[in-house]
Structures are given as C-alpha cells and as structure tokens.
C-alpha cells in the first residue's frame, strides 16, 4: 500500500517538471538584397572595358 502511494505521488512530481524550453529562434536574415544594383555594376564594368580597349587601340595606332 505504501509503495502504491509513493508511486502515485511520484507521478505528480514528474509532471511538475514541465517540458524543456524550445531552442532560441535563429537571427533574422539581413534586409539587404544580394543582387541590388548588379545590372548597373555590369554596365559600368562593360563601359570601362570598352574605354580601356579603345584607349589601348589608339595608343597602338599612334606608335605605328
């Protein structure tokens, strides 16, 4: 009888423990887009490449 009473109260003690807390939420992603302005960067790089090629072509024409 004593063992039954102890077993009964032991079940209440184990329920009082509660569940473990959930893991913390991951940090939110940054608000900046990765591809912002990539088209403008491509156009600027292309125009700089054309300018450099034109400049080198003129320099080669003047030397010959």
Protein backbone atom coordinates (compact mmCIF):
# COMPACT_ATOMS: atom_id res chain seq x y z
CA UNK A 1 0.00 0.00 0.00
CA UNK A 2 2.83 2.38 0.89
CA UNK A 3 4.57 1.63 -2.43
CA UNK A 4 1.36 2.44 -4.32
CA UNK A 5 1.01 5.79 -2.57
CA UNK A 6 4.66 6.69 -3.22
CA UNK A 7 4.31 5.69 -6.88
CA UNK A 8 1.16 7.84 -7.16
CA UNK A 9 2.88 10.94 -5.71
CA UNK A 10 5.97 10.31 -7.78
CA UNK A 11 3.90 10.68 -10.96
CA UNK A 12 2.77 14.15 -9.83
CA UNK A 13 6.36 15.17 -9.15
CA UNK A 14 7.49 14.09 -12.60
CA UNK A 15 4.65 16.01 -14.29
CA UNK A 16 5.58 19.15 -12.33
CA UNK A 17 8.97 19.24 -14.06
CA UNK A 18 7.48 20.56 -17.32
CA UNK A 19 8.88 20.34 -20.80
CA UNK A 20 12.24 21.69 -21.88
CA UNK A 21 12.07 25.17 -23.41
CA UNK A 22 12.24 25.38 -27.20
CA UNK A 23 15.58 26.30 -28.77
CA UNK A 24 16.10 30.00 -29.48
CA UNK A 25 14.97 31.33 -32.84
CA UNK A 26 17.70 31.91 -35.45
CA UNK A 27 18.55 35.54 -36.19
CA UNK A 28 16.53 37.16 -38.97
CA UNK A 29 18.15 37.43 -42.40
CA UNK A 30 19.71 40.78 -43.32
CA UNK A 31 17.39 43.23 -45.02
CA UNK A 32 19.71 44.00 -47.91
CA UNK A 33 19.21 42.23 -51.24
CA UNK A 34 22.23 40.43 -52.66
CA UNK A 35 21.61 41.43 -56.28
CA UNK A 36 20.84 45.12 -55.74
CA UNK A 37 22.49 47.22 -58.46
CA UNK A 38 24.17 44.31 -60.21
CA UNK A 39 22.93 45.47 -63.62
CA UNK A 40 24.43 48.94 -63.10
CA UNK A 41 27.72 47.38 -62.00
CA UNK A 42 27.78 45.22 -65.14
CA UNK A 43 27.10 48.22 -67.39
CA UNK A 44 29.84 50.26 -65.71
CA UNK A 45 32.35 47.41 -65.98
CA UNK A 46 31.49 46.87 -69.64
CA UNK A 47 31.84 50.58 -70.45
CA UNK A 48 35.18 50.74 -68.60
CA UNK A 49 36.41 47.72 -70.57
CA UNK A 50 35.37 49.28 -73.87
CA UNK A 51 37.03 52.56 -72.89
CA UNK A 52 40.30 50.82 -71.97
CA UNK A 53 40.28 48.77 -75.18
CA UNK A 54 39.65 51.91 -77.26
CA UNK A 55 42.41 53.78 -75.43
CA UNK A 56 44.91 50.93 -75.98
CA UNK A 57 43.89 50.72 -79.65
CA UNK A 58 44.54 54.46 -80.17
CA UNK A 59 47.88 54.21 -78.40
CA UNK A 60 48.92 51.31 -80.66
CA UNK A 61 47.88 53.31 -83.78
CA UNK A 62 49.96 56.31 -82.70
CA UNK A 63 53.07 54.20 -82.11
CA UNK A 64 52.99 52.55 -85.51
